[in-house]
Amino acid sequence: MELISQLAEQYAAAFTSKEDGLLHQVNEQTQQHAHAHMLSGHVQGKILTFLSSILQPKNILEIGTFTGYSALCLVEGIHPQGQLHTIELREEDANTARINFSNSKYSNQLNLHIGNAQEIIPQLDMEWDLVFIDADKTAYTDYYELIVPKLNTRGIIIADNVLFHGQVLEEEIKGKSAKAIHAFNEHVAKDNRTEQVLLTVRDGLLLIKKKVQ
């Protein structure tokens, strides 16, 4: 289901600040990937950079590295003494991301972990200022529950693909990933610890923060 017209997408891209050289290179390179649709892309990437630049986070967590594009966007706003930790299950994609990270001026602030995020997250003993979730859709709720207790009081969680290609809008939601995303959206909406706003950008971004006590 096409949620946003191609013309609107192209217009948004035309009036969004351009990618730097490395990001453009990673974007072009990833277009050859069998799962290129998983790339955050130019406009969404710039949103990640904007939010990171505003927060200037010391600790960033990304679940789902892919080829490294979104991590490179997030790290642009990081605190000078900050660290970004990104987790990728697929070794081949992780190797591609590692090469891309090596070409970044923030290479010493980018930490790549390969393996199951649900096993790795508890080992990262820190308070998160910014979290980007873009991995296995059936595990979104599990990731969320691991993260919220470690989220800074002023921190933000960004969950990608929360519209899941429009499938969550169907009268009868089919497919395990679409069902899992809808269940995640409901779970967050019912959580009295947090508040959220769903943006209809690309495939849907859910911004979540802790409620002010």
C-alpha atoms as a PDB file:
ATOM      1  CA  MET A   1       0.000   0.000   0.000  1.00  0.00           C
ATOM      2  CA  GLU A   2       1.457   3.387  -1.007  1.00  0.00           C
ATOM      3  CA  LEU A   3       0.856   5.741   1.929  1.00  0.00           C
ATOM      4  CA  ILE A   4       2.630   8.812   0.550  1.00  0.00           C
ATOM      5  CA  SER A   5       2.717   9.773  -3.116  1.00  0.00           C
ATOM      6  CA  GLN A   6       6.009   9.500  -4.944  1.00  0.00           C
ATOM      7  CA  LEU A   7       5.702  13.157  -5.942  1.00  0.00           C
ATOM      8  CA  ALA A   8       5.430  14.196  -2.296  1.00  0.00           C
ATOM      9  CA  GLU A   9       8.430  12.013  -1.402  1.00  0.00           C
ATOM     10  CA  GLN A  10      10.474  13.551  -4.218  1.00  0.00           C
ATOM     11  CA  TYR A  11       9.426  17.077  -3.230  1.00  0.00           C
ATOM     12  CA  ALA A  12      10.414  16.418   0.402  1.00  0.00           C
ATOM     13  CA  ALA A  13      13.807  15.103  -0.707  1.00  0.00           C
ATOM     14  CA  ALA A  14      14.380  18.105  -2.978  1.00  0.00           C
ATOM     15  CA  PHE A  15      13.853  20.526  -0.083  1.00  0.00           C
ATOM     16  CA  THR A  16      15.793  18.553   2.528  1.00  0.00           C
ATOM     17  CA  SER A  17      19.450  19.356   3.142  1.00  0.00           C
ATOM     18  CA  LYS A  18      21.675  17.091   1.078  1.00  0.00           C
ATOM     19  CA  GLU A  19      23.611  14.107   2.356  1.00  0.00           C
ATOM     20  CA  ASP A  20      27.320  14.508   2.938  1.00  0.00           C
ATOM     21  CA  GLY A  21      29.743  12.563   0.745  1.00  0.00           C
ATOM     22  CA  LEU A  22      29.979   9.440   2.921  1.00  0.00           C
ATOM     23  CA  LEU A  23      26.235   9.166   3.459  1.00  0.00           C
ATOM     24  CA  HIS A  24      25.595   9.587  -0.263  1.00  0.00           C
ATOM     25  CA  GLN A  25      28.161   6.882  -0.991  1.00  0.00           C
ATOM     26  CA  VAL A  26      26.572   4.464   1.517  1.00  0.00           C
ATOM     27  CA  ASN A  27      23.106   5.248   0.135  1.00  0.00           C
ATOM     28  CA  GLU A  28      24.195   4.540  -3.439  1.00  0.00           C
ATOM     29  CA  GLN A  29      26.071   1.404  -2.403  1.00  0.00           C
ATOM     30  CA  THR A  30      23.079   0.056  -0.473  1.00  0.00           C
ATOM     31  CA  GLN A  31      20.784   0.420  -3.489  1.00  0.00           C
ATOM     32  CA  GLN A  32      22.534  -2.686  -4.855  1.00  0.00           C
ATOM     33  CA  HIS A  33      21.596  -4.704  -1.739  1.00  0.00           C
ATOM     34  CA  ALA A  34      18.858  -7.334  -2.066  1.00  0.00           C
ATOM     35  CA  HIS A  35      17.019  -5.598   0.809  1.00  0.00           C
ATOM     36  CA  ALA A  36      17.692  -1.991  -0.168  1.00  0.00           C
ATOM     37  CA  HIS A  37      14.193  -0.999   1.003  1.00  0.00           C
ATOM     38  CA  MET A  38      15.466  -1.402   4.589  1.00  0.00           C
ATOM     39  CA  LEU A  39      17.671   1.685   4.246  1.00  0.00           C
ATOM     40  CA  SER A  40      16.503   4.714   6.256  1.00  0.00           C
ATOM     41  CA  GLY A  41      17.278   6.966   3.317  1.00  0.00           C
ATOM     42  CA  HIS A  42      17.899  10.659   2.797  1.00  0.00           C
ATOM     43  CA  VAL A  43      14.875  12.370   4.425  1.00  0.00           C
ATOM     44  CA  GLN A  44      14.471   9.974   7.345  1.00  0.00           C
ATOM     45  CA  GLY A  45      18.232  10.014   7.856  1.00  0.00           C
ATOM     46  CA  LYS A  46      18.182  13.792   8.138  1.00  0.00           C
ATOM     47  CA  ILE A  47      15.427  13.537  10.772  1.00  0.00           C
ATOM     48  CA  LEU A  48      17.673  11.206  12.781  1.00  0.00           C
ATOM     49  CA  THR A  49      20.530  13.692  12.487  1.00  0.00           C
ATOM     50  CA  PHE A  50      18.285  16.589  13.542  1.00  0.00           C
ATOM     51  CA  LEU A  51      17.024  14.787  16.654  1.00  0.00           C
ATOM     52  CA  SER A  52      20.515  13.669  17.596  1.00  0.00           C
ATOM     53  CA  SER A  53      21.931  17.170  17.078  1.00  0.00           C
ATOM     54  CA  ILE A  54      19.235  18.666  19.312  1.00  0.00           C
ATOM     55  CA  LEU A  55      19.755  16.102  22.082  1.00  0.00           C
ATOM     56  CA  GLN A  56      23.569  15.880  21.765  1.00  0.00           C
ATOM     57  CA  PRO A  57      23.374  12.397  23.347  1.00  0.00           C
ATOM     58  CA  LYS A  58      26.270  10.810  25.204  1.00  0.00           C
ATOM     59  CA  ASN A  59      24.944   7.274  24.791  1.00  0.00           C
ATOM     60  CA  ILE A  60      23.152   6.177  21.607  1.00  0.00           C
ATOM     61  CA  LEU A  61      21.793   2.671  21.008  1.00  0.00           C
ATOM     62  CA  GLU A  62      20.771   1.407  17.586  1.00  0.00           C
ATOM     63  CA  ILE A  63      19.113  -1.976  17.121  1.00  0.00           C
ATOM     64  CA  GLY A  64      19.560  -3.016  13.497  1.00  0.00           C
ATOM     65  CA  THR A  65      22.700  -1.618  11.846  1.00  0.00           C
ATOM     66  CA  PHE A  66      22.123  -2.863   8.266  1.00  0.00           C
ATOM     67  CA  THR A  67      24.829  -1.147   6.167  1.00  0.00           C
ATOM     68  CA  GLY A  68      25.443   1.612   8.707  1.00  0.00           C
ATOM     69  CA  TYR A  69      23.571   4.534   7.115  1.00  0.00           C
ATOM     70  CA  SER A  70      21.288   5.350  10.066  1.00  0.00           C
ATOM     71  CA  ALA A  71      24.135   5.014  12.587  1.00  0.00           C
ATOM     72  CA  LEU A  72      26.167   7.488  10.534  1.00  0.00           C
ATOM     73  CA  CYS A  73      23.196   9.882  10.639  1.00  0.00           C
ATOM     74  CA  LEU A  74      22.703   9.487  14.397  1.00  0.00           C
ATOM     75  CA  VAL A  75      26.369   9.899  15.279  1.00  0.00           C
ATOM     76  CA  GLU A  76      26.523  13.328  13.612  1.00  0.00           C
ATOM     77  CA  GLY A  77      24.833  14.889  16.652  1.00  0.00           C
ATOM     78  CA  ILE A  78      26.657  12.938  19.344  1.00  0.00           C
ATOM     79  CA  HIS A  79      28.332  14.596  22.341  1.00  0.00           C
ATOM     80  CA  PRO A  80      32.131  14.944  21.839  1.00  0.00           C
ATOM     81  CA  GLN A  81      32.702  12.315  24.553  1.00  0.00           C
ATOM     82  CA  GLY A  82      29.722  10.186  23.482  1.00  0.00           C
ATOM     83  CA  GLN A  83      29.545   6.635  22.157  1.00  0.00           C
ATOM     84  CA  LEU A  84      27.104   4.969  19.761  1.00  0.00           C
ATOM     85  CA  HIS A  85      26.464   1.233  20.125  1.00  0.00           C
ATOM     86  CA  THR A  86      24.795  -0.503  17.189  1.00  0.00           C
ATOM     87  CA  ILE A  87      23.730  -4.140  16.975  1.00  0.00           C
ATOM     88  CA  GLU A  88      23.449  -6.230  13.801  1.00  0.00           C
ATOM     89  CA  LEU A  89      22.454  -9.884  13.564  1.00  0.00           C
ATOM     90  CA  ARG A  90      23.681 -10.508  10.004  1.00  0.00           C
ATOM     91  CA  GLU A  91      27.462 -10.822   9.822  1.00  0.00           C
ATOM     92  CA  GLU A  92      27.667  -9.829   6.145  1.00  0.00           C
ATOM     93  CA  ASP A  93      25.794  -6.561   6.715  1.00  0.00           C
ATOM     94  CA  ALA A  94      27.843  -5.917   9.859  1.00  0.00           C
ATOM     95  CA  ASN A  95      31.052  -6.271   7.836  1.00  0.00           C
ATOM     96  CA  THR A  96      29.756  -3.754   5.298  1.00  0.00           C
ATOM     97  CA  ALA A  97      28.829  -1.345   8.093  1.00  0.00           C
ATOM     98  CA  ARG A  98      32.263  -1.752   9.684  1.00  0.00           C
ATOM     99  CA  ILE A  99      33.926  -0.665   6.429  1.00  0.00           C
ATOM    100  CA  ASN A 100      31.581   2.321   6.149  1.00  0.00           C
ATOM    101  CA  PHE A 101      32.271   3.293   9.771  1.00  0.00           C
ATOM    102  CA  SER A 102      36.008   3.192   9.160  1.00  0.00           C
ATOM    103  CA  ASN A 103      35.561   6.013   6.635  1.00  0.00           C
ATOM    104  CA  SER A 104      33.748   8.260   9.145  1.00  0.00           C
ATOM    105  CA  LYS A 105      35.395  10.973  11.236  1.00  0.00           C
ATOM    106  CA  TYR A 106      33.371   9.522  14.122  1.00  0.00           C
ATOM    107  CA  SER A 107      34.873   6.043  13.715  1.00  0.00           C
ATOM    108  CA  ASN A 108      36.235   5.985  17.263  1.00  0.00           C
ATOM    109  CA  GLN A 109      32.741   6.673  18.626  1.00  0.00           C
ATOM    110  CA  LEU A 110      31.008   3.898  16.664  1.00  0.00           C
ATOM    111  CA  ASN A 111      30.808   0.513  18.382  1.00  0.00           C
ATOM    112  CA  LEU A 112      29.463  -2.394  16.336  1.00  0.00           C
ATOM    113  CA  HIS A 113      28.111  -5.530  18.035  1.00  0.00           C
ATOM    114  CA  ILE A 114      27.237  -8.663  16.055  1.00  0.00           C
ATOM    115  CA  GLY A 115      24.593 -11.019  17.433  1.00  0.00           C
ATOM    116  CA  ASN A 116      21.179 -11.222  19.064  1.00  0.00           C
ATOM    117  CA  ALA A 117      20.118  -7.813  20.395  1.00  0.00           C
ATOM    118  CA  GLN A 118      18.084  -9.324  23.223  1.00  0.00           C
ATOM    119  CA  GLU A 119      21.264 -10.931  24.531  1.00  0.00           C
ATOM    120  CA  ILE A 120      23.556  -7.966  23.884  1.00  0.00           C
ATOM    121  CA  ILE A 121      21.419  -5.105  25.276  1.00  0.00           C
ATOM    122  CA  PRO A 122      21.512  -6.339  28.906  1.00  0.00           C
ATOM    123  CA  GLN A 123      25.325  -6.487  28.668  1.00  0.00           C
ATOM    124  CA  LEU A 124      25.514  -2.772  27.787  1.00  0.00           C
ATOM    125  CA  ASP A 125      25.269  -1.283  31.260  1.00  0.00           C
ATOM    126  CA  MET A 126      24.525   2.380  30.566  1.00  0.00           C
ATOM    127  CA  GLU A 127      21.715   4.905  30.489  1.00  0.00           C
ATOM    128  CA  TRP A 128      20.516   5.684  26.958  1.00  0.00           C
ATOM    129  CA  ASP A 129      19.897   9.200  25.669  1.00  0.00           C
ATOM    130  CA  LEU A 130      18.758   8.172  22.182  1.00  0.00           C
ATOM    131  CA  VAL A 131      17.609   4.784  20.882  1.00  0.00           C
ATOM    132  CA  PHE A 132      16.718   3.788  17.315  1.00  0.00           C
ATOM    133  CA  ILE A 133      14.834   0.507  16.830  1.00  0.00           C
ATOM    134  CA  ASP A 134      14.903  -0.873  13.284  1.00  0.00           C
ATOM    135  CA  ALA A 135      15.332  -4.638  13.487  1.00  0.00           C
ATOM    136  CA  ASP A 136      13.205  -7.785  13.771  1.00  0.00           C
ATOM    137  CA  LYS A 137       9.622  -6.499  13.969  1.00  0.00           C
ATOM    138  CA  THR A 138       8.406  -9.449  16.034  1.00  0.00           C
ATOM    139  CA  ALA A 139      10.815  -8.445  18.824  1.00  0.00           C
ATOM    140  CA  TYR A 140       9.993  -4.714  19.025  1.00  0.00           C
ATOM    141  CA  THR A 141       8.045  -5.064  22.273  1.00  0.00           C
ATOM    142  CA  ASP A 142      10.865  -7.104  23.819  1.00  0.00           C
ATOM    143  CA  TYR A 143      13.434  -4.473  22.789  1.00  0.00           C
ATOM    144  CA  TYR A 144      11.217  -1.723  24.201  1.00  0.00           C
ATOM    145  CA  GLU A 145      10.906  -3.433  27.573  1.00  0.00           C
ATOM    146  CA  LEU A 146      14.676  -3.879  27.771  1.00  0.00           C
ATOM    147  CA  ILE A 147      15.264  -0.207  26.932  1.00  0.00           C
ATOM    148  CA  VAL A 148      12.676   1.784  28.903  1.00  0.00           C
ATOM    149  CA  PRO A 149      14.216   1.072  32.342  1.00  0.00           C
ATOM    150  CA  LYS A 150      17.576   2.324  31.002  1.00  0.00           C
ATOM    151  CA  LEU A 151      16.207   5.363  29.145  1.00  0.00           C
ATOM    152  CA  ASN A 152      17.401   8.742  30.364  1.00  0.00           C
ATOM    153  CA  THR A 153      14.595  10.933  31.758  1.00  0.00           C
ATOM    154  CA  ARG A 154      15.139  13.247  28.771  1.00  0.00           C
ATOM    155  CA  GLY A 155      15.928  10.425  26.337  1.00  0.00           C
ATOM    156  CA  ILE A 156      13.998   9.464  23.204  1.00  0.00           C
ATOM    157  CA  ILE A 157      13.246   6.117  21.568  1.00  0.00           C
ATOM    158  CA  ILE A 158      12.631   6.172  17.801  1.00  0.00           C
ATOM    159  CA  ALA A 159      10.920   3.075  16.399  1.00  0.00           C
ATOM    160  CA  ASP A 160      10.932   2.642  12.611  1.00  0.00           C
ATOM    161  CA  ASN A 161       8.400   0.946  10.305  1.00  0.00           C
ATOM    162  CA  VAL A 162       5.464   1.407  12.681  1.00  0.00           C
ATOM    163  CA  LEU A 163       3.061   1.675   9.725  1.00  0.00           C
ATOM    164  CA  PHE A 164       4.608  -1.435   8.179  1.00  0.00           C
ATOM    165  CA  HIS A 165       3.877  -0.654   4.524  1.00  0.00           C
ATOM    166  CA  GLY A 166       0.296   0.298   5.441  1.00  0.00           C
ATOM    167  CA  GLN A 167      -0.550  -3.238   6.552  1.00  0.00           C
ATOM    168  CA  VAL A 168      -1.425  -2.069  10.082  1.00  0.00           C
ATOM    169  CA  LEU A 169      -4.250   0.004   8.536  1.00  0.00           C
ATOM    170  CA  GLU A 170      -6.022  -2.980   7.032  1.00  0.00           C
ATOM    171  CA  GLU A 171      -9.308  -4.149   8.530  1.00  0.00           C
ATOM    172  CA  GLU A 172      -7.794  -7.586   9.057  1.00  0.00           C
ATOM    173  CA  ILE A 173      -4.066  -7.388   9.749  1.00  0.00           C
ATOM    174  CA  LYS A 174      -2.224 -10.307   8.200  1.00  0.00           C
ATOM    175  CA  GLY A 175       1.380 -11.418   8.455  1.00  0.00           C
ATOM    176  CA  LYS A 176       3.341 -11.906  11.651  1.00  0.00           C
ATOM    177  CA  SER A 177       5.444  -8.756  11.272  1.00  0.00           C
ATOM    178  CA  ALA A 178       2.440  -6.494  10.687  1.00  0.00           C
ATOM    179  CA  LYS A 179       0.627  -8.080  13.625  1.00  0.00           C
ATOM    180  CA  ALA A 180       3.711  -7.652  15.807  1.00  0.00           C
ATOM    181  CA  ILE A 181       4.077  -3.976  14.869  1.00  0.00           C
ATOM    182  CA  HIS A 182       0.404  -3.293  15.602  1.00  0.00           C
ATOM    183  CA  ALA A 183       0.761  -5.081  18.950  1.00  0.00           C
ATOM    184  CA  PHE A 184       3.866  -2.992  19.693  1.00  0.00           C
ATOM    185  CA  ASN A 185       2.042   0.250  18.865  1.00  0.00           C
ATOM    186  CA  GLU A 186      -0.796  -0.781  21.179  1.00  0.00           C
ATOM    187  CA  HIS A 187       1.643  -1.795  23.917  1.00  0.00           C
ATOM    188  CA  VAL A 188       3.365   1.599  23.859  1.00  0.00           C
ATOM    189  CA  ALA A 189       0.049   3.472  23.765  1.00  0.00           C
ATOM    190  CA  LYS A 190      -1.082   1.664  26.931  1.00  0.00           C
ATOM    191  CA  ASP A 191       2.180   2.160  28.811  1.00  0.00           C
ATOM    192  CA  ASN A 192       1.679   4.776  31.543  1.00  0.00           C
ATOM    193  CA  ARG A 193       5.456   5.280  31.890  1.00  0.00           C
ATOM    194  CA  THR A 194       5.794   6.919  28.483  1.00  0.00           C
ATOM    195  CA  GLU A 195       4.159   9.193  25.932  1.00  0.00           C
ATOM    196  CA  GLN A 196       4.515   9.086  22.176  1.00  0.00           C
ATOM    197  CA  VAL A 197       3.796  10.636  18.802  1.00  0.00           C
ATOM    198  CA  LEU A 198       3.535   8.693  15.527  1.00  0.00           C
ATOM    199  CA  LEU A 199       4.927  10.473  12.479  1.00  0.00           C
ATOM    200  CA  THR A 200       3.777   9.466   9.012  1.00  0.00           C
ATOM    201  CA  VAL A 201       7.269   9.825   7.552  1.00  0.00           C
ATOM    202  CA  ARG A 202       8.312   7.124   5.095  1.00  0.00           C
ATOM    203  CA  ASP A 203       7.098   3.885   6.741  1.00  0.00           C
ATOM    204  CA  GLY A 204       6.175   5.511  10.052  1.00  0.00           C
ATOM    205  CA  LEU A 205       8.329   6.669  12.974  1.00  0.00           C
ATOM    206  CA  LEU A 206       7.142   6.401  16.581  1.00  0.00           C
ATOM    207  CA  LEU A 207       8.862   8.857  18.934  1.00  0.00           C
ATOM    208  CA  ILE A 208       8.679   7.821  22.583  1.00  0.00           C
ATOM    209  CA  LYS A 209       9.844   9.493  25.793  1.00  0.00           C
ATOM    210  CA  LYS A 210       9.295   9.028  29.497  1.00  0.00           C
ATOM    211  CA  LYS A 211       6.506  11.058  31.081  1.00  0.00           C
ATOM    212  CA  VAL A 212       7.595  13.947  33.269  1.00  0.00           C
ATOM    213  CA  GLN A 213       6.850  12.972  36.856  1.00  0.00           C
END
